[in-house]
Amino acid sequence: MITTNKKINLEQLDFELGGYGLIADFNDPEKQIIGVAENSPVTEEQLSKAIDNHIAGPSQEEIRLLNKQEGIAKLKELGFTDDQIKALIS
């Protein structure tokens, strides 16, 4: 298990390590705990190096929220009212 305070995109980090599965506890942002899944061939040394080199991209949820915000902004530019936008995205 590796402890870090670095921003981690767990899905991306797992992909970077070959997709064997990772486990994590992100309850404390200053002491995030990351480990490899059971039966994974990834070593703790490989995990540590991958974390050191990891630059977290946006998560799928962050991308979805950004797209939604951009879509709402575009609808407002086109003259839609807040009520019309709520009706469209509900």
C-alpha atoms as a PDB file:
ATOM      1  CA  MET A   1       0.000   0.000   0.000  1.00  0.00           C
ATOM      2  CA  ILE A   2       1.204   3.488  -0.888  1.00  0.00           C
ATOM      3  CA  THR A   3       0.104   6.640   0.943  1.00  0.00           C
ATOM      4  CA  THR A   4       0.017   9.928  -0.949  1.00  0.00           C
ATOM      5  CA  ASN A   5      -1.549  13.377  -0.893  1.00  0.00           C
ATOM      6  CA  LYS A   6      -1.202  13.749  -4.675  1.00  0.00           C
ATOM      7  CA  LYS A   7      -4.328  14.170  -6.841  1.00  0.00           C
ATOM      8  CA  ILE A   8      -5.065  10.719  -8.237  1.00  0.00           C
ATOM      9  CA  ASN A   9      -7.460   9.607 -10.965  1.00  0.00           C
ATOM     10  CA  LEU A  10      -7.739   5.964  -9.897  1.00  0.00           C
ATOM     11  CA  GLU A  11      -9.262   4.747 -13.165  1.00  0.00           C
ATOM     12  CA  GLN A  12      -6.481   6.425 -15.143  1.00  0.00           C
ATOM     13  CA  LEU A  13      -3.750   5.135 -12.791  1.00  0.00           C
ATOM     14  CA  ASP A  14      -5.088   1.594 -13.102  1.00  0.00           C
ATOM     15  CA  PHE A  15      -5.020   1.919 -16.907  1.00  0.00           C
ATOM     16  CA  GLU A  16      -1.445   3.213 -16.741  1.00  0.00           C
ATOM     17  CA  LEU A  17      -0.495   0.070 -14.796  1.00  0.00           C
ATOM     18  CA  GLY A  18      -2.149  -2.321 -17.230  1.00  0.00           C
ATOM     19  CA  GLY A  19      -5.697  -2.517 -15.867  1.00  0.00           C
ATOM     20  CA  TYR A  20      -5.149  -5.220 -13.237  1.00  0.00           C
ATOM     21  CA  GLY A  21      -7.173  -3.389 -10.597  1.00  0.00           C
ATOM     22  CA  LEU A  22      -6.361  -1.071  -7.737  1.00  0.00           C
ATOM     23  CA  ILE A  23      -7.864  -0.556  -4.317  1.00  0.00           C
ATOM     24  CA  ALA A  24      -7.948   2.787  -2.579  1.00  0.00           C
ATOM     25  CA  ASP A  25      -9.109   4.718   0.438  1.00  0.00           C
ATOM     26  CA  PHE A  26      -9.530   8.411  -0.392  1.00  0.00           C
ATOM     27  CA  ASN A  27     -11.347   9.400   2.822  1.00  0.00           C
ATOM     28  CA  ASP A  28      -8.428  11.599   3.913  1.00  0.00           C
ATOM     29  CA  PRO A  29      -7.103  13.692   0.980  1.00  0.00           C
ATOM     30  CA  GLU A  30      -3.779  14.143   2.797  1.00  0.00           C
ATOM     31  CA  LYS A  31      -3.341  10.391   3.360  1.00  0.00           C
ATOM     32  CA  GLN A  32      -4.829   8.627   0.350  1.00  0.00           C
ATOM     33  CA  ILE A  33      -4.039   4.922   0.450  1.00  0.00           C
ATOM     34  CA  ILE A  34      -3.609   3.049  -2.824  1.00  0.00           C
ATOM     35  CA  GLY A  35      -2.818  -0.610  -3.320  1.00  0.00           C
ATOM     36  CA  VAL A  36      -2.977  -3.276  -5.996  1.00  0.00           C
ATOM     37  CA  ALA A  37      -5.884  -5.704  -6.196  1.00  0.00           C
ATOM     38  CA  GLU A  38      -5.458  -9.282  -5.061  1.00  0.00           C
ATOM     39  CA  ASN A  39      -3.649 -11.500  -7.604  1.00  0.00           C
ATOM     40  CA  SER A  40      -2.337  -8.479  -9.523  1.00  0.00           C
ATOM     41  CA  PRO A  41       1.131  -8.872 -11.040  1.00  0.00           C
ATOM     42  CA  VAL A  42       1.862  -5.189 -10.300  1.00  0.00           C
ATOM     43  CA  THR A  43       4.492  -4.781  -7.579  1.00  0.00           C
ATOM     44  CA  GLU A  44       4.466  -2.140  -4.868  1.00  0.00           C
ATOM     45  CA  GLU A  45       7.597  -0.666  -6.468  1.00  0.00           C
ATOM     46  CA  GLN A  46       5.813  -0.357  -9.831  1.00  0.00           C
ATOM     47  CA  LEU A  47       2.799   1.199  -8.109  1.00  0.00           C
ATOM     48  CA  SER A  48       4.994   3.699  -6.268  1.00  0.00           C
ATOM     49  CA  LYS A  49       6.779   4.707  -9.482  1.00  0.00           C
ATOM     50  CA  ALA A  50       3.455   5.011 -11.340  1.00  0.00           C
ATOM     51  CA  ILE A  51       2.058   7.261  -8.593  1.00  0.00           C
ATOM     52  CA  ASP A  52       5.194   9.434  -8.730  1.00  0.00           C
ATOM     53  CA  ASN A  53       4.796   9.814 -12.517  1.00  0.00           C
ATOM     54  CA  HIS A  54       0.982  10.111 -12.484  1.00  0.00           C
ATOM     55  CA  ILE A  55      -0.628  13.333 -13.681  1.00  0.00           C
ATOM     56  CA  ALA A  56      -4.313  13.004 -12.922  1.00  0.00           C
ATOM     57  CA  GLY A  57      -6.648  13.861 -15.770  1.00  0.00           C
ATOM     58  CA  PRO A  58     -10.287  14.686 -15.124  1.00  0.00           C
ATOM     59  CA  SER A  59     -12.522  11.830 -14.024  1.00  0.00           C
ATOM     60  CA  GLN A  60     -15.513  10.758 -16.087  1.00  0.00           C
ATOM     61  CA  GLU A  61     -17.783  12.516 -13.568  1.00  0.00           C
ATOM     62  CA  GLU A  62     -15.782  15.751 -13.846  1.00  0.00           C
ATOM     63  CA  ILE A  63     -15.996  15.581 -17.644  1.00  0.00           C
ATOM     64  CA  ARG A  64     -19.746  14.977 -17.478  1.00  0.00           C
ATOM     65  CA  LEU A  65     -20.227  17.998 -15.188  1.00  0.00           C
ATOM     66  CA  LEU A  66     -18.064  20.225 -17.390  1.00  0.00           C
ATOM     67  CA  ASN A  67     -19.992  19.181 -20.494  1.00  0.00           C
ATOM     68  CA  LYS A  68     -23.275  19.875 -18.717  1.00  0.00           C
ATOM     69  CA  GLN A  69     -22.076  23.327 -17.607  1.00  0.00           C
ATOM     70  CA  GLU A  70     -20.874  24.149 -21.126  1.00  0.00           C
ATOM     71  CA  GLY A  71     -24.191  22.969 -22.566  1.00  0.00           C
ATOM     72  CA  ILE A  72     -26.163  25.138 -20.159  1.00  0.00           C
ATOM     73  CA  ALA A  73     -23.978  28.143 -20.980  1.00  0.00           C
ATOM     74  CA  LYS A  74     -24.548  27.559 -24.705  1.00  0.00           C
ATOM     75  CA  LEU A  75     -28.326  27.330 -24.210  1.00  0.00           C
ATOM     76  CA  LYS A  76     -28.251  30.635 -22.306  1.00  0.00           C
ATOM     77  CA  GLU A  77     -26.274  32.209 -25.164  1.00  0.00           C
ATOM     78  CA  LEU A  78     -29.020  31.041 -27.513  1.00  0.00           C
ATOM     79  CA  GLY A  79     -31.616  32.822 -25.370  1.00  0.00           C
ATOM     80  CA  PHE A  80     -33.162  29.945 -23.435  1.00  0.00           C
ATOM     81  CA  THR A  81     -34.578  30.863 -20.027  1.00  0.00           C
ATOM     82  CA  ASP A  82     -33.625  29.025 -16.829  1.00  0.00           C
ATOM     83  CA  ASP A  83     -37.061  27.369 -16.792  1.00  0.00           C
ATOM     84  CA  GLN A  84     -36.668  26.174 -20.378  1.00  0.00           C
ATOM     85  CA  ILE A  85     -33.206  24.800 -19.627  1.00  0.00           C
ATOM     86  CA  LYS A  86     -34.493  22.977 -16.520  1.00  0.00           C
ATOM     87  CA  ALA A  87     -37.249  21.431 -18.627  1.00  0.00           C
ATOM     88  CA  LEU A  88     -34.722  20.288 -21.233  1.00  0.00           C
ATOM     89  CA  ILE A  89     -32.286  18.658 -18.820  1.00  0.00           C
ATOM     90  CA  SER A  90     -34.791  17.153 -16.396  1.00  0.00           C
END
